[in-house]
Amino acid sequence: MRIGKHNFIKQMKLHNEKALMYVIDAYGGLLMAVIRRHLFAVPEQQGECFDDVLLKIWEHISDFDESRNSFKNWAAAIAKYRAIDYLRQYRKEPVTVDIEDTVIAREDRMLAGVIEKEISKETEQMLSCLKPADRELFWRLYVEEQEMEQVTRETGLKKEVIYNRLSRGRQKIRKEYKIERGA
């Protein structure tokens, strides 16, 4: 069977490996461009991230809904968020350096600072459409990765209220990004 732009999604859902090869050929350049944009500072992670993105697409193709988004945008979003996850992981990894390599260690700290600023800038931009109280909830739970129990104690809000605010906030963010992208 010949795989093309009209049947590759159906074949991916049937786990036809030829459909994955079509995705690599047709969308590999786009995915790598998205990954490189976010992982410019850690080029050694780009190939591994690309493989991880393909695996996520393969595993979650059943979640793709053509009525909500194009495959191109859906795959690019997966690439973007996987790359951001790789940046976070890189930022958290301890860097051990020999005494002779102190210049490299200094550059790594500068690089980690640049990465952190980039993530922070994108996160702030994404959360800017929310009310300050909701923005703080998103920041605590998703950026600082605080436990829900800690957030409920410190804010005095019930879990149900927080979950409702997060759900509404995610909807608002999705709506803003659809408008921004012209969808």
Protein backbone atom coordinates (compact mmCIF):
# COMPACT_ATOMS: atom_id res chain seq x y z
CA MET A 1 0.00 0.00 0.00
CA ARG A 2 1.28 3.44 -0.91
CA ILE A 3 1.35 5.94 1.95
CA GLY A 4 0.54 9.56 1.11
CA LYS A 5 -0.85 12.74 2.59
CA HIS A 6 -4.41 11.44 2.39
CA ASN A 7 -3.97 8.15 4.24
CA PHE A 8 -0.89 8.44 6.48
CA ILE A 9 -2.89 9.31 9.62
CA LYS A 10 -5.17 6.31 9.18
CA GLN A 11 -2.15 4.09 8.60
CA MET A 12 -0.38 5.55 11.65
CA LYS A 13 -3.41 4.67 13.76
CA LEU A 14 -3.09 1.12 12.40
CA HIS A 15 0.61 1.26 13.45
CA ASN A 16 1.93 0.90 9.92
CA GLU A 17 5.65 1.74 10.14
CA LYS A 18 5.64 3.02 6.55
CA ALA A 19 3.33 5.80 7.71
CA LEU A 20 5.91 6.82 10.32
CA MET A 21 8.53 6.92 7.57
CA TYR A 22 6.21 9.22 5.61
CA VAL A 23 5.92 11.50 8.67
CA ILE A 24 9.71 11.63 8.94
CA ASP A 25 10.05 12.49 5.25
CA ALA A 26 7.21 15.01 5.13
CA TYR A 27 7.47 16.64 8.56
CA GLY A 28 10.96 15.78 9.82
CA GLY A 29 12.38 19.14 8.73
CA LEU A 30 9.65 21.06 10.52
CA LEU A 31 10.03 19.00 13.69
CA MET A 32 13.82 19.47 13.73
CA ALA A 33 13.40 23.23 13.15
CA VAL A 34 11.09 23.46 16.17
CA ILE A 35 13.46 21.37 18.28
CA ARG A 36 16.51 23.38 17.21
CA ARG A 37 14.74 26.63 18.04
CA HIS A 38 14.29 25.52 21.62
CA LEU A 39 17.42 23.39 22.07
CA PHE A 40 19.86 25.70 20.30
CA ALA A 41 21.99 25.81 23.43
CA VAL A 42 22.26 22.04 23.80
CA PRO A 43 22.73 20.63 20.29
CA GLU A 44 23.78 17.23 21.63
CA GLN A 45 20.19 16.72 22.88
CA GLN A 46 18.48 17.56 19.56
CA GLY A 47 18.73 14.11 17.99
CA GLU A 48 17.49 12.34 21.09
CA CYS A 49 14.63 14.83 21.40
CA PHE A 50 13.69 14.24 17.74
CA ASP A 51 13.53 10.49 18.36
CA ASP A 52 11.43 11.11 21.46
CA VAL A 53 9.04 13.34 19.50
CA LEU A 54 8.55 10.62 16.88
CA LEU A 55 7.89 8.10 19.63
CA LYS A 56 5.30 10.42 21.22
CA ILE A 57 3.59 10.92 17.86
CA TRP A 58 3.57 7.16 17.30
CA GLU A 59 2.22 6.38 20.77
CA HIS A 60 -0.39 9.15 20.86
CA ILE A 61 -1.63 9.22 17.26
CA SER A 62 -4.98 7.95 18.53
CA ASP A 63 -5.35 11.26 20.43
CA PHE A 64 -5.02 13.28 17.23
CA ASP A 65 -8.31 14.85 16.12
CA GLU A 66 -8.37 16.25 12.57
CA SER A 67 -11.38 18.42 13.37
CA ARG A 68 -9.48 20.32 16.08
CA ASN A 69 -6.11 20.89 14.45
CA SER A 70 -3.93 20.01 11.49
CA PHE A 71 -1.42 17.20 11.87
CA LYS A 72 1.38 19.67 11.13
CA ASN A 73 0.41 21.91 14.07
CA TRP A 74 -0.24 18.97 16.37
CA ALA A 75 3.16 17.42 15.65
CA ALA A 76 4.91 20.80 15.96
CA ALA A 77 3.29 21.31 19.37
CA ILE A 78 4.55 17.92 20.52
CA ALA A 79 8.04 18.86 19.31
CA LYS A 80 7.91 22.21 21.11
CA TYR A 81 6.81 20.82 24.46
CA ARG A 82 9.23 17.86 24.33
CA ALA A 83 12.07 20.31 23.60
CA ILE A 84 11.01 22.46 26.56
CA ASP A 85 10.97 19.32 28.72
CA TYR A 86 14.52 18.54 27.55
CA LEU A 87 15.57 22.09 28.49
CA ARG A 88 14.10 21.67 31.95
CA GLN A 89 15.86 18.33 32.34
CA TYR A 90 19.16 19.82 31.19
CA ARG A 91 18.75 22.73 33.61
CA LYS A 92 18.24 20.33 36.54
CA GLU A 93 21.17 18.01 35.74
CA PRO A 94 24.25 18.68 37.84
CA VAL A 95 27.30 19.58 35.82
CA THR A 96 30.62 18.18 37.05
CA VAL A 97 33.76 19.74 35.65
CA ASP A 98 37.46 19.29 36.23
CA ILE A 99 39.36 22.21 37.71
CA GLU A 100 41.05 22.78 34.34
CA ASP A 101 37.66 23.24 32.71
CA THR A 102 36.45 26.13 34.88
CA VAL A 103 35.95 28.30 31.82
CA ILE A 104 33.57 25.69 30.44
CA ALA A 105 31.75 25.52 33.78
CA ARG A 106 31.29 29.30 33.71
CA GLU A 107 29.92 29.06 30.16
CA ASP A 108 27.55 26.26 31.26
CA ARG A 109 26.20 28.50 34.04
CA MET A 110 25.69 31.29 31.53
CA LEU A 111 24.01 28.84 29.17
CA ALA A 112 21.74 27.56 31.94
CA GLY A 113 20.81 31.17 32.68
CA VAL A 114 19.96 31.80 29.02
CA ILE A 115 17.88 28.62 28.91
CA GLU A 116 16.06 29.54 32.10
CA LYS A 117 15.31 33.03 30.80
CA GLU A 118 13.98 31.60 27.51
CA ILE A 119 11.67 29.17 29.31
CA SER A 120 10.58 31.86 31.76
CA LYS A 121 9.90 34.35 28.94
CA GLU A 122 7.77 31.87 26.98
CA THR A 123 5.93 30.79 30.10
CA GLU A 124 5.17 34.39 31.11
CA GLN A 125 3.96 35.15 27.59
CA MET A 126 1.72 32.10 27.59
CA LEU A 127 0.27 32.88 31.05
CA SER A 128 -0.23 36.60 30.38
CA CYS A 129 -3.85 36.05 29.33
CA LEU A 130 -4.77 34.77 32.82
CA LYS A 131 -5.81 36.66 35.94
CA PRO A 132 -2.93 37.16 38.41
CA ALA A 133 -4.33 34.65 40.91
CA ASP A 134 -4.71 31.97 38.22
CA ARG A 135 -1.29 32.81 36.80
CA GLU A 136 0.19 32.20 40.26
CA LEU A 137 -1.52 28.79 40.47
CA PHE A 138 -0.13 27.76 37.06
CA TRP A 139 3.32 29.03 38.02
CA ARG A 140 3.38 27.15 41.33
CA LEU A 141 2.03 23.86 40.01
CA TYR A 142 3.60 23.66 36.55
CA VAL A 143 6.77 25.73 36.68
CA GLU A 144 7.88 25.39 40.29
CA GLU A 145 6.32 21.89 40.38
CA GLN A 146 4.91 22.32 43.88
CA GLU A 147 2.67 19.60 45.29
CA MET A 148 -1.08 20.21 45.19
CA GLU A 149 -1.32 19.79 48.98
CA GLN A 150 1.26 22.54 49.52
CA VAL A 151 -0.57 24.91 47.18
CA THR A 152 -3.92 24.23 48.88
CA ARG A 153 -2.38 24.89 52.29
CA GLU A 154 -0.66 28.11 51.24
CA THR A 155 -3.55 29.56 49.22
CA GLY A 156 -6.40 28.30 51.38
CA LEU A 157 -8.23 27.07 48.29
CA LYS A 158 -9.81 23.64 47.99
CA LYS A 159 -8.41 21.18 45.45
CA GLU A 160 -11.65 21.28 43.47
CA VAL A 161 -11.44 25.07 43.14
CA ILE A 162 -7.83 24.86 41.99
CA TYR A 163 -8.63 22.14 39.45
CA ASN A 164 -11.51 24.24 38.09
CA ARG A 165 -9.27 27.30 37.77
CA LEU A 166 -6.58 25.26 36.05
CA SER A 167 -9.11 23.78 33.63
CA ARG A 168 -10.56 27.19 32.77
CA GLY A 169 -7.06 28.62 32.48
CA ARG A 170 -5.98 25.90 30.04
CA GLN A 171 -9.08 26.58 27.95
CA LYS A 172 -8.31 30.30 27.91
CA ILE A 173 -4.68 29.66 26.93
CA ARG A 174 -5.78 27.33 24.10
CA LYS A 175 -8.25 29.95 22.89
CA GLU A 176 -5.59 32.68 22.96
CA TYR A 177 -3.12 30.55 21.02
CA LYS A 178 -5.74 29.67 18.40
CA ILE A 179 -6.40 33.38 17.92
CA GLU A 180 -2.67 34.14 17.84
CA ARG A 181 -2.04 31.42 15.23
CA GLY A 182 -5.00 32.56 13.18
CA ALA A 183 -6.91 29.30 13.59
